[in-house]
Amino acid sequence: WHSNISHARKLKSYRIEVHWYEQWSQYCDALCRVPKSFLTTQHDNELIMLLEDMNASGFSIRRERAM
């Protein structure tokens, strides 16, 4: 769980998420609301993502299960 392979897999997953917010989230409209990305950056092995607070934007309800 805490091996080097696991850590590398997590970093790859975060890089993919950063790429999605940078390149693809802009194509989502009001019917598919996603948080706005204010900042995505990488410093050494650290990824930083600053996203909009969806609670503050009026999306505070959470589903307990998928419909």
PDB file of N, CA and C in Angstrom:
ATOM      1  N   TRP A   1       0.832  -1.200   0.000  1.00  0.00           N
ATOM      2  CA  TRP A   1       0.000   0.000   0.000  1.00  0.00           C
ATOM      3  C   TRP A   1       0.867   1.251   0.000  1.00  0.00           C
ATOM      4  N   HIS A   2       1.976   1.227   0.748  1.00  0.00           N
ATOM      5  CA  HIS A   2       2.849   2.399   0.844  1.00  0.00           C
ATOM      6  C   HIS A   2       4.184   2.183   0.121  1.00  0.00           C
ATOM      7  N   SER A   3       4.173   1.361  -0.911  1.00  0.00           N
ATOM      8  CA  SER A   3       5.407   1.069  -1.644  1.00  0.00           C
ATOM      9  C   SER A   3       5.720   2.182  -2.635  1.00  0.00           C
ATOM     10  N   ASN A   4       6.898   2.119  -3.217  1.00  0.00           N
ATOM     11  CA  ASN A   4       7.281   3.084  -4.257  1.00  0.00           C
ATOM     12  C   ASN A   4       6.368   2.983  -5.466  1.00  0.00           C
ATOM     13  N   ILE A   5       5.947   1.763  -5.798  1.00  0.00           N
ATOM     14  CA  ILE A   5       5.043   1.566  -6.931  1.00  0.00           C
ATOM     15  C   ILE A   5       3.698   2.226  -6.639  1.00  0.00           C
ATOM     16  N   SER A   6       3.199   2.042  -5.438  1.00  0.00           N
ATOM     17  CA  SER A   6       1.930   2.660  -5.042  1.00  0.00           C
ATOM     18  C   SER A   6       2.027   4.175  -5.093  1.00  0.00           C
ATOM     19  N   HIS A   7       3.126   4.721  -4.605  1.00  0.00           N
ATOM     20  CA  HIS A   7       3.323   6.172  -4.611  1.00  0.00           C
ATOM     21  C   HIS A   7       3.374   6.705  -6.052  1.00  0.00           C
ATOM     22  N   ALA A   8       4.091   6.008  -6.914  1.00  0.00           N
ATOM     23  CA  ALA A   8       4.189   6.422  -8.320  1.00  0.00           C
ATOM     24  C   ALA A   8       2.819   6.374  -8.991  1.00  0.00           C
ATOM     25  N   ARG A   9       2.026   5.359  -8.668  1.00  0.00           N
ATOM     26  CA  ARG A   9       0.678   5.239  -9.236  1.00  0.00           C
ATOM     27  C   ARG A   9      -0.202   6.401  -8.774  1.00  0.00           C
ATOM     28  N   LYS A  10      -0.080   6.789  -7.506  1.00  0.00           N
ATOM     29  CA  LYS A  10      -0.854   7.926  -6.989  1.00  0.00           C
ATOM     30  C   LYS A  10      -0.432   9.225  -7.677  1.00  0.00           C
ATOM     31  N   LEU A  11       0.868   9.431  -7.854  1.00  0.00           N
ATOM     32  CA  LEU A  11       1.339  10.638  -8.539  1.00  0.00           C
ATOM     33  C   LEU A  11       0.820  10.696  -9.974  1.00  0.00           C
ATOM     34  N   LYS A  12       0.834   9.548 -10.658  1.00  0.00           N
ATOM     35  CA  LYS A  12       0.318   9.507 -12.027  1.00  0.00           C
ATOM     36  C   LYS A  12      -1.167   9.865 -12.030  1.00  0.00           C
ATOM     37  N   SER A  13      -1.919   9.347 -11.089  1.00  0.00           N
ATOM     38  CA  SER A  13      -3.346   9.645 -10.996  1.00  0.00           C
ATOM     39  C   SER A  13      -3.581  11.135 -10.782  1.00  0.00           C
ATOM     40  N   TYR A  14      -2.799  11.752  -9.907  1.00  0.00           N
ATOM     41  CA  TYR A  14      -2.941  13.190  -9.670  1.00  0.00           C
ATOM     42  C   TYR A  14      -2.555  13.998 -10.903  1.00  0.00           C
ATOM     43  N   ARG A  15      -1.521  13.568 -11.621  1.00  0.00           N
ATOM     44  CA  ARG A  15      -1.137  14.270 -12.855  1.00  0.00           C
ATOM     45  C   ARG A  15      -2.259  14.214 -13.888  1.00  0.00           C
ATOM     46  N   ILE A  16      -2.916  13.064 -13.975  1.00  0.00           N
ATOM     47  CA  ILE A  16      -4.052  12.928 -14.889  1.00  0.00           C
ATOM     48  C   ILE A  16      -5.176  13.864 -14.467  1.00  0.00           C
ATOM     49  N   GLU A  17      -5.445  13.942 -13.169  1.00  0.00           N
ATOM     50  CA  GLU A  17      -6.494  14.843 -12.681  1.00  0.00           C
ATOM     51  C   GLU A  17      -6.146  16.303 -12.976  1.00  0.00           C
ATOM     52  N   VAL A  18      -4.910  16.692 -12.749  1.00  0.00           N
ATOM     53  CA  VAL A  18      -4.473  18.057 -13.060  1.00  0.00           C
ATOM     54  C   VAL A  18      -4.668  18.334 -14.544  1.00  0.00           C
ATOM     55  N   HIS A  19      -4.251  17.396 -15.383  1.00  0.00           N
ATOM     56  CA  HIS A  19      -4.414  17.561 -16.832  1.00  0.00           C
ATOM     57  C   HIS A  19      -5.887  17.725 -17.186  1.00  0.00           C
ATOM     58  N   TRP A  20      -6.757  16.944 -16.563  1.00  0.00           N
ATOM     59  CA  TRP A  20      -8.191  17.047 -16.852  1.00  0.00           C
ATOM     60  C   TRP A  20      -8.711  18.445 -16.504  1.00  0.00           C
ATOM     61  N   TYR A  21      -8.355  18.949 -15.344  1.00  0.00           N
ATOM     62  CA  TYR A  21      -8.811  20.292 -14.966  1.00  0.00           C
ATOM     63  C   TYR A  21      -8.232  21.364 -15.880  1.00  0.00           C
ATOM     64  N   GLU A  22      -6.987  21.205 -16.299  1.00  0.00           N
ATOM     65  CA  GLU A  22      -6.358  22.209 -17.167  1.00  0.00           C
ATOM     66  C   GLU A  22      -6.916  22.181 -18.591  1.00  0.00           C
ATOM     67  N   GLN A  23      -7.177  20.983 -19.124  1.00  0.00           N
ATOM     68  CA  GLN A  23      -7.495  20.853 -20.544  1.00  0.00           C
ATOM     69  C   GLN A  23      -8.957  20.536 -20.865  1.00  0.00           C
ATOM     70  N   TRP A  24      -9.668  19.864 -19.980  1.00  0.00           N
ATOM     71  CA  TRP A  24     -10.984  19.342 -20.350  1.00  0.00           C
ATOM     72  C   TRP A  24     -12.145  19.907 -19.546  1.00  0.00           C
ATOM     73  N   SER A  25     -11.933  20.366 -18.343  1.00  0.00           N
ATOM     74  CA  SER A  25     -13.049  20.832 -17.512  1.00  0.00           C
ATOM     75  C   SER A  25     -13.755  22.027 -18.138  1.00  0.00           C
ATOM     76  N   GLN A  26     -13.059  22.775 -18.961  1.00  0.00           N
ATOM     77  CA  GLN A  26     -13.665  23.942 -19.608  1.00  0.00           C
ATOM     78  C   GLN A  26     -14.807  23.562 -20.544  1.00  0.00           C
ATOM     79  N   TYR A  27     -14.879  22.304 -20.959  1.00  0.00           N
ATOM     80  CA  TYR A  27     -15.937  21.859 -21.861  1.00  0.00           C
ATOM     81  C   TYR A  27     -17.208  21.427 -21.130  1.00  0.00           C
ATOM     82  N   CYS A  28     -17.171  21.405 -19.811  1.00  0.00           N
ATOM     83  CA  CYS A  28     -18.362  21.082 -19.024  1.00  0.00           C
ATOM     84  C   CYS A  28     -19.231  22.331 -18.916  1.00  0.00           C
ATOM     85  N   ASP A  29     -20.524  22.130 -19.044  1.00  0.00           N
ATOM     86  CA  ASP A  29     -21.436  23.272 -18.955  1.00  0.00           C
ATOM     87  C   ASP A  29     -22.235  23.205 -17.651  1.00  0.00           C
ATOM     88  N   ALA A  30     -23.294  23.992 -17.556  1.00  0.00           N
ATOM     89  CA  ALA A  30     -24.098  24.054 -16.333  1.00  0.00           C
ATOM     90  C   ALA A  30     -24.757  22.714 -16.005  1.00  0.00           C
ATOM     91  N   LEU A  31     -24.964  21.867 -17.006  1.00  0.00           N
ATOM     92  CA  LEU A  31     -25.560  20.554 -16.754  1.00  0.00           C
ATOM     93  C   LEU A  31     -24.554  19.555 -16.182  1.00  0.00           C
ATOM     94  N   CYS A  32     -23.300  19.883 -16.270  1.00  0.00           N
ATOM     95  CA  CYS A  32     -22.233  19.029 -15.739  1.00  0.00           C
ATOM     96  C   CYS A  32     -21.247  19.926 -14.994  1.00  0.00           C
ATOM     97  N   ARG A  33     -21.704  20.504 -13.908  1.00  0.00           N
ATOM     98  CA  ARG A  33     -20.930  21.511 -13.162  1.00  0.00           C
ATOM     99  C   ARG A  33     -19.742  20.870 -12.459  1.00  0.00           C
ATOM    100  N   VAL A  34     -18.586  21.402 -12.680  1.00  0.00           N
ATOM    101  CA  VAL A  34     -17.369  20.954 -12.003  1.00  0.00           C
ATOM    102  C   VAL A  34     -16.716  22.167 -11.342  1.00  0.00           C
ATOM    103  N   PRO A  35     -15.891  21.956 -10.322  1.00  0.00           N
ATOM    104  CA  PRO A  35     -15.221  23.090  -9.681  1.00  0.00           C
ATOM    105  C   PRO A  35     -14.314  23.828 -10.661  1.00  0.00           C
ATOM    106  N   LYS A  36     -14.254  25.128 -10.534  1.00  0.00           N
ATOM    107  CA  LYS A  36     -13.313  25.923 -11.325  1.00  0.00           C
ATOM    108  C   LYS A  36     -11.911  25.687 -10.776  1.00  0.00           C
ATOM    109  N   SER A  37     -10.969  25.612 -11.672  1.00  0.00           N
ATOM    110  CA  SER A  37      -9.572  25.439 -11.295  1.00  0.00           C
ATOM    111  C   SER A  37      -8.909  26.816 -11.265  1.00  0.00           C
ATOM    112  N   PHE A  38      -8.420  27.202 -10.098  1.00  0.00           N
ATOM    113  CA  PHE A  38      -7.744  28.490  -9.961  1.00  0.00           C
ATOM    114  C   PHE A  38      -6.236  28.370 -10.158  1.00  0.00           C
ATOM    115  N   LEU A  39      -5.688  27.205  -9.817  1.00  0.00           N
ATOM    116  CA  LEU A  39      -4.246  27.017  -9.904  1.00  0.00           C
ATOM    117  C   LEU A  39      -3.932  25.532  -9.952  1.00  0.00           C
ATOM    118  N   THR A  40      -3.073  25.143 -10.867  1.00  0.00           N
ATOM    119  CA  THR A  40      -2.486  23.805 -10.866  1.00  0.00           C
ATOM    120  C   THR A  40      -1.005  23.988 -11.147  1.00  0.00           C
ATOM    121  N   THR A  41      -0.179  23.409 -10.303  1.00  0.00           N
ATOM    122  CA  THR A  41       1.262  23.550 -10.474  1.00  0.00           C
ATOM    123  C   THR A  41       1.962  22.331  -9.881  1.00  0.00           C
ATOM    124  N   GLN A  42       3.185  22.115 -10.294  1.00  0.00           N
ATOM    125  CA  GLN A  42       3.988  21.026  -9.762  1.00  0.00           C
ATOM    126  C   GLN A  42       5.324  21.588  -9.305  1.00  0.00           C
ATOM    127  N   HIS A  43       5.747  21.157  -8.141  1.00  0.00           N
ATOM    128  CA  HIS A  43       7.044  21.546  -7.591  1.00  0.00           C
ATOM    129  C   HIS A  43       7.701  20.284  -7.060  1.00  0.00           C
ATOM    130  N   ASP A  44       8.780  19.856  -7.713  1.00  0.00           N
ATOM    131  CA  ASP A  44       9.435  18.583  -7.403  1.00  0.00           C
ATOM    132  C   ASP A  44       8.402  17.462  -7.523  1.00  0.00           C
ATOM    133  N   ASN A  45       8.177  16.693  -6.479  1.00  0.00           N
ATOM    134  CA  ASN A  45       7.188  15.607  -6.498  1.00  0.00           C
ATOM    135  C   ASN A  45       5.878  16.023  -5.853  1.00  0.00           C
ATOM    136  N   GLU A  46       5.631  17.301  -5.774  1.00  0.00           N
ATOM    137  CA  GLU A  46       4.431  17.814  -5.123  1.00  0.00           C
ATOM    138  C   GLU A  46       3.515  18.443  -6.168  1.00  0.00           C
ATOM    139  N   LEU A  47       2.264  17.998  -6.210  1.00  0.00           N
ATOM    140  CA  LEU A  47       1.273  18.583  -7.102  1.00  0.00           C
ATOM    141  C   LEU A  47       0.341  19.456  -6.272  1.00  0.00           C
ATOM    142  N   ILE A  48       0.063  20.647  -6.766  1.00  0.00           N
ATOM    143  CA  ILE A  48      -0.809  21.574  -6.051  1.00  0.00           C
ATOM    144  C   ILE A  48      -1.977  21.924  -6.966  1.00  0.00           C
ATOM    145  N   MET A  49      -3.186  21.729  -6.425  1.00  0.00           N
ATOM    146  CA  MET A  49      -4.402  22.080  -7.158  1.00  0.00           C
ATOM    147  C   MET A  49      -5.256  22.948  -6.243  1.00  0.00           C
ATOM    148  N   LEU A  50      -5.607  24.101  -6.720  1.00  0.00           N
ATOM    149  CA  LEU A  50      -6.493  24.990  -5.973  1.00  0.00           C
ATOM    150  C   LEU A  50      -7.799  25.067  -6.755  1.00  0.00           C
ATOM    151  N   LEU A  51      -8.857  24.464  -6.168  1.00  0.00           N
ATOM    152  CA  LEU A  51     -10.148  24.368  -6.833  1.00  0.00           C
ATOM    153  C   LEU A  51     -11.202  25.161  -6.072  1.00  0.00           C
ATOM    154  N   GLU A  52     -12.225  25.546  -6.794  1.00  0.00           N
ATOM    155  CA  GLU A  52     -13.363  26.256  -6.226  1.00  0.00           C
ATOM    156  C   GLU A  52     -14.034  25.411  -5.136  1.00  0.00           C
ATOM    157  N   ASP A  53     -14.499  26.066  -4.097  1.00  0.00           N
ATOM    158  CA  ASP A  53     -15.254  25.419  -3.029  1.00  0.00           C
ATOM    159  C   ASP A  53     -16.698  25.251  -3.504  1.00  0.00           C
ATOM    160  N   MET A  54     -17.075  24.034  -3.829  1.00  0.00           N
ATOM    161  CA  MET A  54     -18.419  23.795  -4.363  1.00  0.00           C
ATOM    162  C   MET A  54     -19.508  24.052  -3.316  1.00  0.00           C
ATOM    163  N   ASN A  55     -19.219  23.845  -2.040  1.00  0.00           N
ATOM    164  CA  ASN A  55     -20.201  24.168  -0.998  1.00  0.00           C
ATOM    165  C   ASN A  55     -20.546  25.649  -1.044  1.00  0.00           C
ATOM    166  N   ALA A  56     -19.531  26.494  -1.140  1.00  0.00           N
ATOM    167  CA  ALA A  56     -19.748  27.947  -1.165  1.00  0.00           C
ATOM    168  C   ALA A  56     -20.464  28.387  -2.444  1.00  0.00           C
ATOM    169  N   SER A  57     -20.431  27.555  -3.476  1.00  0.00           N
ATOM    170  CA  SER A  57     -21.083  27.884  -4.744  1.00  0.00           C
ATOM    171  C   SER A  57     -22.501  27.316  -4.831  1.00  0.00           C
ATOM    172  N   GLY A  58     -22.997  26.797  -3.696  1.00  0.00           N
ATOM    173  CA  GLY A  58     -24.376  26.328  -3.650  1.00  0.00           C
ATOM    174  C   GLY A  58     -24.579  24.850  -3.924  1.00  0.00           C
ATOM    175  N   PHE A  59     -23.520  24.073  -3.889  1.00  0.00           N
ATOM    176  CA  PHE A  59     -23.619  22.636  -4.141  1.00  0.00           C
ATOM    177  C   PHE A  59     -23.220  21.864  -2.879  1.00  0.00           C
ATOM    178  N   SER A  60     -24.023  21.979  -1.844  1.00  0.00           N
ATOM    179  CA  SER A  60     -23.668  21.364  -0.560  1.00  0.00           C
ATOM    180  C   SER A  60     -24.334  20.009  -0.343  1.00  0.00           C
ATOM    181  N   ILE A  61     -25.270  19.612  -1.188  1.00  0.00           N
ATOM    182  CA  ILE A  61     -25.967  18.334  -1.020  1.00  0.00           C
ATOM    183  C   ILE A  61     -25.090  17.206  -1.573  1.00  0.00           C
ATOM    184  N   ARG A  62     -25.009  16.120  -0.826  1.00  0.00           N
ATOM    185  CA  ARG A  62     -24.231  14.941  -1.250  1.00  0.00           C
ATOM    186  C   ARG A  62     -25.161  13.756  -1.360  1.00  0.00           C
ATOM    187  N   ARG A  63     -25.016  12.982  -2.411  1.00  0.00           N
ATOM    188  CA  ARG A  63     -25.768  11.751  -2.584  1.00  0.00           C
ATOM    189  C   ARG A  63     -25.135  10.658  -1.745  1.00  0.00           C
ATOM    190  N   GLU A  64     -25.961   9.810  -1.215  1.00  0.00           N
ATOM    191  CA  GLU A  64     -25.459   8.659  -0.447  1.00  0.00           C
ATOM    192  C   GLU A  64     -25.150   7.493  -1.368  1.00  0.00           C
ATOM    193  N   ARG A  65     -25.834   7.476  -2.539  1.00  0.00           N
ATOM    194  CA  ARG A  65     -25.579   6.422  -3.524  1.00  0.00           C
ATOM    195  C   ARG A  65     -25.940   6.958  -4.909  1.00  0.00           C
ATOM    196  N   ALA A  66     -25.377   6.316  -5.911  1.00  0.00           N
ATOM    197  CA  ALA A  66     -25.677   6.712  -7.288  1.00  0.00           C
ATOM    198  C   ALA A  66     -27.114   6.323  -7.627  1.00  0.00           C
ATOM    199  N   MET A  67     -27.712   7.097  -8.483  1.00  0.00           N
ATOM    200  CA  MET A  67     -29.106   6.816  -8.851  1.00  0.00           C
ATOM    201  C   MET A  67     -29.187   5.788  -9.945  1.00  0.00           C
TER     202      MET A  67
END
